[in-house]
Amino acid sequence: MFVDIVLSGLVFFGGFIAIAVVVKLRERNRALKWPGVPGQVISGTASAQDVTTHAGIDDERDQVETRNFARIAYRYSVNGKRYTGKRVSIGDDMGNGDIAGLLKKYPRGKVVEVFYDPADPARAVLERDLSHLIAADAACVRRGIDARR
């Protein structure tokens, strides 16, 4: 009985993750069609930010934790209008990722390809792939479904 409840909870939670994965996959698929233009990195810094995390089932209080983020800014032009972008990837940045790697990959002054949404050129990214977190979420859903069988 207990095992069935736990497995049902995993499948239920996995359903929420599956929805998030589908939403991100759809966003990525749209972004794969976005045109690219040359741009240039104008800044890259590491910063710490307090993030509120939602408590688990046993704890009703949200918690605040400090996470590190790579802040990359870049400029690009579309049809003669200049934009500044700050989003690196379609994947969500939850913090504490490979900050040093991103700062090394996108140093100030580097010429980059910027992919922008033709319907809203202010919406842009440097990378159209999904973060490794989406793959991890998909694996979690798969494990929950397999465990239910």
N, C-alpha and C. Protein backbone atom coordinates (compact mmCIF):
# COMPACT_ATOMS: atom_id res chain seq x y z
N MET A 1 0.83 -1.19 0.00
CA MET A 1 0.00 0.00 0.00
C MET A 1 0.87 1.26 0.00
N PHE A 2 1.83 1.31 0.92
CA PHE A 2 2.73 2.48 1.01
C PHE A 2 3.48 2.67 -0.30
N VAL A 3 3.96 1.56 -0.87
CA VAL A 3 4.72 1.63 -2.13
C VAL A 3 3.83 2.19 -3.24
N ASP A 4 2.56 1.78 -3.29
CA ASP A 4 1.64 2.30 -4.31
C ASP A 4 1.43 3.80 -4.15
N ILE A 5 1.34 4.27 -2.92
CA ILE A 5 1.16 5.71 -2.68
C ILE A 5 2.39 6.47 -3.13
N VAL A 6 3.57 5.96 -2.78
CA VAL A 6 4.81 6.61 -3.18
C VAL A 6 4.94 6.62 -4.70
N LEU A 7 4.67 5.50 -5.34
CA LEU A 7 4.77 5.41 -6.80
C LEU A 7 3.74 6.32 -7.47
N SER A 8 2.54 6.39 -6.92
CA SER A 8 1.53 7.30 -7.47
C SER A 8 1.98 8.74 -7.35
N GLY A 9 2.59 9.08 -6.22
CA GLY A 9 3.13 10.43 -6.03
C GLY A 9 4.22 10.74 -7.04
N LEU A 10 5.08 9.77 -7.30
CA LEU A 10 6.15 9.97 -8.29
C LEU A 10 5.56 10.19 -9.68
N VAL A 11 4.55 9.41 -10.04
CA VAL A 11 3.93 9.57 -11.35
C VAL A 11 3.23 10.91 -11.44
N PHE A 12 2.51 11.31 -10.36
CA PHE A 12 1.83 12.60 -10.33
C PHE A 12 2.84 13.73 -10.48
N PHE A 13 3.90 13.70 -9.67
CA PHE A 13 4.96 14.71 -9.76
C PHE A 13 5.62 14.66 -11.13
N GLY A 14 5.83 13.46 -11.62
CA GLY A 14 6.43 13.29 -12.95
C GLY A 14 5.56 13.92 -14.03
N GLY A 15 4.24 13.91 -13.83
CA GLY A 15 3.34 14.54 -14.79
C GLY A 15 3.59 16.03 -14.90
N PHE A 16 3.83 16.68 -13.76
CA PHE A 16 4.15 18.11 -13.78
C PHE A 16 5.47 18.36 -14.50
N ILE A 17 6.43 17.50 -14.24
CA ILE A 17 7.72 17.64 -14.91
C ILE A 17 7.56 17.42 -16.41
N ALA A 18 6.75 16.42 -16.78
CA ALA A 18 6.51 16.14 -18.19
C ALA A 18 5.90 17.34 -18.90
N ILE A 19 4.97 18.02 -18.24
CA ILE A 19 4.36 19.21 -18.84
C ILE A 19 5.42 20.29 -19.04
N ALA A 20 6.27 20.49 -18.04
CA ALA A 20 7.35 21.49 -18.17
C ALA A 20 8.29 21.13 -19.31
N VAL A 21 8.59 19.84 -19.46
CA VAL A 21 9.47 19.40 -20.54
C VAL A 21 8.82 19.68 -21.89
N VAL A 22 7.54 19.38 -22.02
CA VAL A 22 6.83 19.61 -23.29
C VAL A 22 6.82 21.09 -23.62
N VAL A 23 6.55 21.94 -22.63
CA VAL A 23 6.54 23.39 -22.87
C VAL A 23 7.91 23.85 -23.36
N LYS A 24 8.98 23.40 -22.72
CA LYS A 24 10.33 23.80 -23.12
C LYS A 24 10.69 23.24 -24.50
N LEU A 25 10.27 22.02 -24.79
CA LEU A 25 10.55 21.46 -26.11
C LEU A 25 9.84 22.26 -27.20
N ARG A 26 8.62 22.69 -26.94
CA ARG A 26 7.90 23.51 -27.92
C ARG A 26 8.60 24.85 -28.11
N GLU A 27 9.06 25.44 -27.01
CA GLU A 27 9.78 26.71 -27.11
C GLU A 27 11.08 26.52 -27.90
N ARG A 28 11.78 25.44 -27.62
CA ARG A 28 13.02 25.16 -28.35
C ARG A 28 12.76 24.94 -29.83
N ASN A 29 11.71 24.20 -30.15
CA ASN A 29 11.39 23.94 -31.55
C ASN A 29 11.06 25.23 -32.29
N ARG A 30 10.37 26.16 -31.64
CA ARG A 30 10.12 27.47 -32.26
C ARG A 30 11.43 28.23 -32.44
N ALA A 31 12.28 28.18 -31.43
CA ALA A 31 13.55 28.92 -31.48
C ALA A 31 14.48 28.37 -32.56
N LEU A 32 14.37 27.09 -32.88
CA LEU A 32 15.21 26.52 -33.92
C LEU A 32 14.94 27.17 -35.28
N LYS A 33 13.78 27.80 -35.42
CA LYS A 33 13.43 28.48 -36.67
C LYS A 33 13.80 29.96 -36.65
N TRP A 34 14.23 30.46 -35.49
CA TRP A 34 14.58 31.88 -35.39
C TRP A 34 15.82 32.16 -36.24
N PRO A 35 15.82 33.30 -36.94
CA PRO A 35 17.02 33.67 -37.69
C PRO A 35 18.13 34.13 -36.74
N GLY A 36 19.34 34.07 -37.24
CA GLY A 36 20.50 34.53 -36.47
C GLY A 36 21.10 35.78 -37.08
N VAL A 37 21.62 36.64 -36.23
CA VAL A 37 22.33 37.84 -36.65
C VAL A 37 23.60 37.95 -35.82
N PRO A 38 24.61 38.66 -36.33
CA PRO A 38 25.81 38.84 -35.52
C PRO A 38 25.52 39.75 -34.33
N GLY A 39 26.19 39.46 -33.26
CA GLY A 39 26.09 40.29 -32.06
C GLY A 39 27.44 40.33 -31.37
N GLN A 40 27.49 41.06 -30.26
CA GLN A 40 28.74 41.14 -29.52
C GLN A 40 28.44 41.16 -28.03
N VAL A 41 29.21 40.35 -27.29
CA VAL A 41 29.08 40.32 -25.84
C VAL A 41 29.59 41.63 -25.28
N ILE A 42 28.77 42.29 -24.47
CA ILE A 42 29.17 43.58 -23.89
C ILE A 42 29.53 43.46 -22.41
N SER A 43 29.11 42.38 -21.77
CA SER A 43 29.52 42.18 -20.38
C SER A 43 29.29 40.73 -19.98
N GLY A 44 30.06 40.31 -19.02
CA GLY A 44 29.93 38.98 -18.46
C GLY A 44 30.45 38.99 -17.04
N THR A 45 29.57 38.75 -16.10
CA THR A 45 29.96 38.77 -14.69
C THR A 45 29.27 37.63 -13.94
N ALA A 46 29.83 37.29 -12.82
CA ALA A 46 29.20 36.34 -11.92
C ALA A 46 28.52 37.15 -10.82
N SER A 47 27.34 36.71 -10.43
CA SER A 47 26.66 37.41 -9.34
C SER A 47 25.92 36.41 -8.48
N ALA A 48 25.78 36.77 -7.22
CA ALA A 48 25.02 35.96 -6.27
C ALA A 48 23.65 36.61 -6.11
N GLN A 49 22.64 35.75 -5.99
CA GLN A 49 21.28 36.25 -5.86
C GLN A 49 20.52 35.34 -4.90
N ASP A 50 19.74 35.95 -4.03
CA ASP A 50 18.89 35.16 -3.15
C ASP A 50 17.68 34.67 -3.94
N VAL A 51 17.39 33.38 -3.83
CA VAL A 51 16.30 32.75 -4.55
C VAL A 51 15.38 32.07 -3.54
N THR A 52 14.09 32.28 -3.70
CA THR A 52 13.13 31.61 -2.83
C THR A 52 12.81 30.26 -3.41
N THR A 53 12.99 29.23 -2.60
CA THR A 53 12.67 27.88 -3.03
C THR A 53 11.42 27.44 -2.28
N HIS A 54 10.58 26.74 -2.97
CA HIS A 54 9.33 26.31 -2.36
C HIS A 54 9.57 25.07 -1.53
N ALA A 55 8.98 25.07 -0.37
CA ALA A 55 9.20 23.99 0.58
C ALA A 55 8.60 22.69 0.08
N GLY A 56 9.09 21.63 0.64
CA GLY A 56 8.57 20.31 0.30
C GLY A 56 7.25 20.05 1.00
N ILE A 57 6.74 18.87 0.87
CA ILE A 57 5.44 18.50 1.44
C ILE A 57 5.45 18.62 2.95
N ASP A 58 6.56 18.26 3.59
CA ASP A 58 6.62 18.25 5.05
C ASP A 58 6.85 19.63 5.66
N ASP A 59 7.25 20.59 4.89
CA ASP A 59 7.60 21.91 5.41
C ASP A 59 6.78 22.96 4.67
N GLU A 60 5.99 23.71 5.41
CA GLU A 60 5.09 24.68 4.78
C GLU A 60 5.78 26.00 4.45
N ARG A 61 6.97 26.22 4.97
CA ARG A 61 7.65 27.50 4.75
C ARG A 61 8.55 27.44 3.53
N ASP A 62 8.52 28.52 2.76
CA ASP A 62 9.48 28.66 1.68
C ASP A 62 10.83 29.00 2.30
N GLN A 63 11.89 28.67 1.59
CA GLN A 63 13.23 28.96 2.08
C GLN A 63 13.97 29.83 1.08
N VAL A 64 14.87 30.64 1.59
CA VAL A 64 15.69 31.49 0.73
C VAL A 64 17.11 30.95 0.76
N GLU A 65 17.66 30.79 -0.44
CA GLU A 65 19.05 30.35 -0.54
C GLU A 65 19.76 31.23 -1.55
N THR A 66 21.06 31.37 -1.37
CA THR A 66 21.87 32.17 -2.29
C THR A 66 22.41 31.26 -3.38
N ARG A 67 22.18 31.68 -4.63
CA ARG A 67 22.68 30.93 -5.78
C ARG A 67 23.53 31.86 -6.64
N ASN A 68 24.46 31.27 -7.36
CA ASN A 68 25.34 32.03 -8.25
C ASN A 68 24.85 31.93 -9.69
N PHE A 69 24.98 33.04 -10.41
CA PHE A 69 24.53 33.11 -11.79
C PHE A 69 25.60 33.77 -12.64
N ALA A 70 25.68 33.36 -13.90
CA ALA A 70 26.51 34.06 -14.88
C ALA A 70 25.59 35.06 -15.57
N ARG A 71 25.97 36.31 -15.54
CA ARG A 71 25.17 37.37 -16.19
C ARG A 71 25.90 37.79 -17.46
N ILE A 72 25.35 37.40 -18.59
CA ILE A 72 25.94 37.70 -19.89
C ILE A 72 25.00 38.68 -20.60
N ALA A 73 25.55 39.77 -21.10
CA ALA A 73 24.75 40.73 -21.89
C ALA A 73 25.41 40.88 -23.25
N TYR A 74 24.57 41.05 -24.27
CA TYR A 74 25.08 41.16 -25.65
C TYR A 74 24.19 42.13 -26.43
N ARG A 75 24.79 42.73 -27.44
CA ARG A 75 24.08 43.66 -28.32
C ARG A 75 23.96 43.05 -29.71
N TYR A 76 22.86 43.38 -30.36
CA TYR A 76 22.63 42.93 -31.73
C TYR A 76 21.64 43.88 -32.39
N SER A 77 21.58 43.84 -33.70
CA SER A 77 20.67 44.71 -34.45
C SER A 77 19.80 43.88 -35.38
N VAL A 78 18.53 44.28 -35.47
CA VAL A 78 17.58 43.67 -36.39
C VAL A 78 16.88 44.80 -37.14
N ASN A 79 17.00 44.80 -38.46
CA ASN A 79 16.39 45.83 -39.30
C ASN A 79 16.77 47.24 -38.85
N GLY A 80 18.02 47.42 -38.48
CA GLY A 80 18.53 48.74 -38.11
C GLY A 80 18.23 49.16 -36.68
N LYS A 81 17.46 48.35 -35.93
CA LYS A 81 17.16 48.68 -34.54
C LYS A 81 18.07 47.86 -33.63
N ARG A 82 18.66 48.56 -32.64
CA ARG A 82 19.61 47.93 -31.74
C ARG A 82 18.91 47.36 -30.50
N TYR A 83 19.36 46.17 -30.09
CA TYR A 83 18.78 45.49 -28.92
C TYR A 83 19.90 45.04 -28.00
N THR A 84 19.56 44.87 -26.74
CA THR A 84 20.46 44.26 -25.76
C THR A 84 19.76 43.03 -25.22
N GLY A 85 20.46 41.89 -25.30
CA GLY A 85 19.91 40.65 -24.79
C GLY A 85 20.67 40.17 -23.57
N LYS A 86 19.98 39.39 -22.73
CA LYS A 86 20.61 38.85 -21.53
C LYS A 86 20.35 37.37 -21.35
N ARG A 87 19.55 36.81 -22.22
CA ARG A 87 19.22 35.40 -22.09
C ARG A 87 20.21 34.58 -22.92
N VAL A 88 20.88 33.64 -22.28
CA VAL A 88 21.86 32.81 -22.98
C VAL A 88 21.17 31.65 -23.68
N SER A 89 20.28 30.97 -22.99
CA SER A 89 19.73 29.72 -23.51
C SER A 89 18.22 29.66 -23.35
N ILE A 90 17.59 28.78 -24.12
CA ILE A 90 16.17 28.48 -23.96
C ILE A 90 15.93 27.86 -22.60
N GLY A 91 16.87 27.02 -22.15
CA GLY A 91 16.73 26.38 -20.84
C GLY A 91 16.74 27.40 -19.72
N ASP A 92 16.02 27.11 -18.66
CA ASP A 92 15.96 28.03 -17.52
C ASP A 92 17.26 27.96 -16.72
N ASP A 93 17.71 29.12 -16.27
CA ASP A 93 18.91 29.20 -15.43
C ASP A 93 18.46 29.16 -13.98
N MET A 94 18.69 28.03 -13.33
CA MET A 94 18.29 27.86 -11.94
C MET A 94 19.41 28.28 -10.98
N GLY A 95 20.53 28.69 -11.53
CA GLY A 95 21.66 29.11 -10.70
C GLY A 95 22.57 27.96 -10.37
N ASN A 96 23.77 28.33 -9.90
CA ASN A 96 24.79 27.37 -9.48
C ASN A 96 25.22 26.41 -10.58
N GLY A 97 25.08 26.82 -11.84
CA GLY A 97 25.52 26.02 -12.97
C GLY A 97 26.99 26.26 -13.24
N ASP A 98 27.40 26.02 -14.45
CA ASP A 98 28.80 26.19 -14.84
C ASP A 98 29.07 27.66 -15.15
N ILE A 99 29.15 28.46 -14.12
CA ILE A 99 29.33 29.91 -14.28
C ILE A 99 30.67 30.22 -14.93
N ALA A 100 31.73 29.60 -14.45
CA ALA A 100 33.05 29.84 -15.01
C ALA A 100 33.09 29.45 -16.49
N GLY A 101 32.45 28.35 -16.83
CA GLY A 101 32.42 27.89 -18.22
C GLY A 101 31.69 28.87 -19.13
N LEU A 102 30.56 29.41 -18.65
CA LEU A 102 29.81 30.39 -19.46
C LEU A 102 30.59 31.68 -19.63
N LEU A 103 31.23 32.14 -18.56
CA LEU A 103 32.00 33.38 -18.65
C LEU A 103 33.20 33.20 -19.58
N LYS A 104 33.77 32.01 -19.59
CA LYS A 104 34.89 31.73 -20.50
C LYS A 104 34.39 31.63 -21.95
N LYS A 105 33.24 31.03 -22.13
CA LYS A 105 32.67 30.85 -23.47
C LYS A 105 32.22 32.18 -24.08
N TYR A 106 31.75 33.11 -23.23
CA TYR A 106 31.23 34.39 -23.71
C TYR A 106 31.96 35.57 -23.07
N PRO A 107 33.24 35.75 -23.38
CA PRO A 107 33.98 36.88 -22.80
C PRO A 107 33.53 38.20 -23.45
N ARG A 108 33.75 39.27 -22.73
CA ARG A 108 33.42 40.59 -23.24
C ARG A 108 34.15 40.84 -24.56
N GLY A 109 33.41 41.35 -25.54
CA GLY A 109 33.98 41.66 -26.84
C GLY A 109 33.84 40.55 -27.87
N LYS A 110 33.48 39.35 -27.44
CA LYS A 110 33.36 38.23 -28.37
C LYS A 110 32.20 38.47 -29.33
N VAL A 111 32.44 38.19 -30.61
CA VAL A 111 31.38 38.24 -31.61
C VAL A 111 30.63 36.91 -31.55
N VAL A 112 29.31 37.00 -31.45
CA VAL A 112 28.46 35.82 -31.29
C VAL A 112 27.32 35.85 -32.29
N GLU A 113 26.71 34.70 -32.49
CA GLU A 113 25.48 34.66 -33.28
C GLU A 113 24.31 34.73 -32.31
N VAL A 114 23.41 35.67 -32.56
CA VAL A 114 22.24 35.87 -31.72
C VAL A 114 21.02 35.40 -32.50
N PHE A 115 20.23 34.53 -31.89
CA PHE A 115 19.00 34.04 -32.51
C PHE A 115 17.83 34.80 -31.90
N TYR A 116 17.01 35.42 -32.76
CA TYR A 116 15.93 36.27 -32.25
C TYR A 116 14.58 35.82 -32.81
N ASP A 117 13.55 36.14 -32.06
CA ASP A 117 12.18 35.84 -32.45
C ASP A 117 11.73 36.90 -33.45
N PRO A 118 11.42 36.52 -34.68
CA PRO A 118 11.03 37.52 -35.68
C PRO A 118 9.75 38.28 -35.29
N ALA A 119 8.90 37.66 -34.50
CA ALA A 119 7.68 38.34 -34.04
C ALA A 119 7.98 39.34 -32.92
N ASP A 120 9.09 39.15 -32.24
CA ASP A 120 9.50 40.03 -31.14
C ASP A 120 11.02 40.02 -31.06
N PRO A 121 11.69 40.84 -31.89
CA PRO A 121 13.16 40.79 -31.96
C PRO A 121 13.88 41.08 -30.64
N ALA A 122 13.19 41.64 -29.67
CA ALA A 122 13.82 41.86 -28.36
C ALA A 122 13.99 40.54 -27.61
N ARG A 123 13.31 39.53 -28.05
CA ARG A 123 13.40 38.20 -27.44
C ARG A 123 14.47 37.41 -28.19
N ALA A 124 15.57 37.11 -27.51
CA ALA A 124 16.70 36.49 -28.20
C ALA A 124 17.49 35.59 -27.25
N VAL A 125 18.26 34.68 -27.85
CA VAL A 125 19.14 33.79 -27.10
C VAL A 125 20.43 33.58 -27.88
N LEU A 126 21.45 33.13 -27.18
CA LEU A 126 22.71 32.76 -27.83
C LEU A 126 22.74 31.28 -28.15
N GLU A 127 22.02 30.49 -27.37
CA GLU A 127 21.99 29.03 -27.55
C GLU A 127 20.55 28.57 -27.63
N ARG A 128 20.26 27.77 -28.64
CA ARG A 128 18.88 27.31 -28.81
C ARG A 128 18.65 25.91 -28.25
N ASP A 129 19.69 25.30 -27.71
CA ASP A 129 19.51 23.97 -27.13
C ASP A 129 18.96 24.09 -25.72
N LEU A 130 18.47 22.99 -25.20
CA LEU A 130 17.94 22.98 -23.84
C LEU A 130 19.04 22.66 -22.86
N SER A 131 18.88 23.16 -21.66
CA SER A 131 19.89 22.88 -20.64
C SER A 131 19.86 21.40 -20.26
N HIS A 132 20.92 20.96 -19.63
CA HIS A 132 21.00 19.56 -19.18
C HIS A 132 19.93 19.25 -18.15
N LEU A 133 19.35 20.28 -17.53
CA LEU A 133 18.32 20.05 -16.53
C LEU A 133 17.06 19.46 -17.14
N ILE A 134 16.74 19.84 -18.37
CA ILE A 134 15.55 19.29 -19.01
C ILE A 134 15.76 17.80 -19.26
N ALA A 135 16.94 17.43 -19.68
CA ALA A 135 17.24 16.01 -19.90
C ALA A 135 17.12 15.24 -18.58
N ALA A 136 17.59 15.84 -17.50
CA ALA A 136 17.49 15.20 -16.19
C ALA A 136 16.02 15.06 -15.77
N ASP A 137 15.21 16.10 -16.04
CA ASP A 137 13.79 16.04 -15.72
C ASP A 137 13.11 14.93 -16.51
N ALA A 138 13.45 14.82 -17.79
CA ALA A 138 12.86 13.78 -18.64
C ALA A 138 13.23 12.39 -18.11
N ALA A 139 14.46 12.22 -17.66
CA ALA A 139 14.89 10.94 -17.11
C ALA A 139 14.12 10.61 -15.84
N CYS A 140 13.84 11.64 -15.03
CA CYS A 140 13.07 11.45 -13.79
C CYS A 140 11.65 11.00 -14.11
N VAL A 141 11.04 11.61 -15.11
CA VAL A 141 9.69 11.22 -15.52
C VAL A 141 9.70 9.77 -16.00
N ARG A 142 10.69 9.43 -16.82
CA ARG A 142 10.79 8.08 -17.35
C ARG A 142 10.92 7.06 -16.21
N ARG A 143 11.75 7.38 -15.21
CA ARG A 143 11.91 6.47 -14.06
C ARG A 143 10.60 6.30 -13.30
N GLY A 144 9.87 7.40 -13.13
CA GLY A 144 8.58 7.33 -12.43
C GLY A 144 7.58 6.47 -13.18
N ILE A 145 7.53 6.61 -14.49
CA ILE A 145 6.61 5.81 -15.30
C ILE A 145 7.02 4.36 -15.28
N ASP A 146 8.31 4.08 -15.41
CA ASP A 146 8.80 2.70 -15.40
C ASP A 146 8.54 2.05 -14.05
N ALA A 147 8.67 2.81 -12.97
CA ALA A 147 8.46 2.25 -11.63
C ALA A 147 6.99 1.90 -11.42
N ARG A 148 6.10 2.61 -12.05
CA ARG A 148 4.66 2.38 -11.91
C ARG A 148 4.23 1.09 -12.60
N ARG A 149 4.95 0.67 -13.61
CA ARG A 149 4.57 -0.53 -14.39
C ARG A 149 4.75 -1.78 -13.62
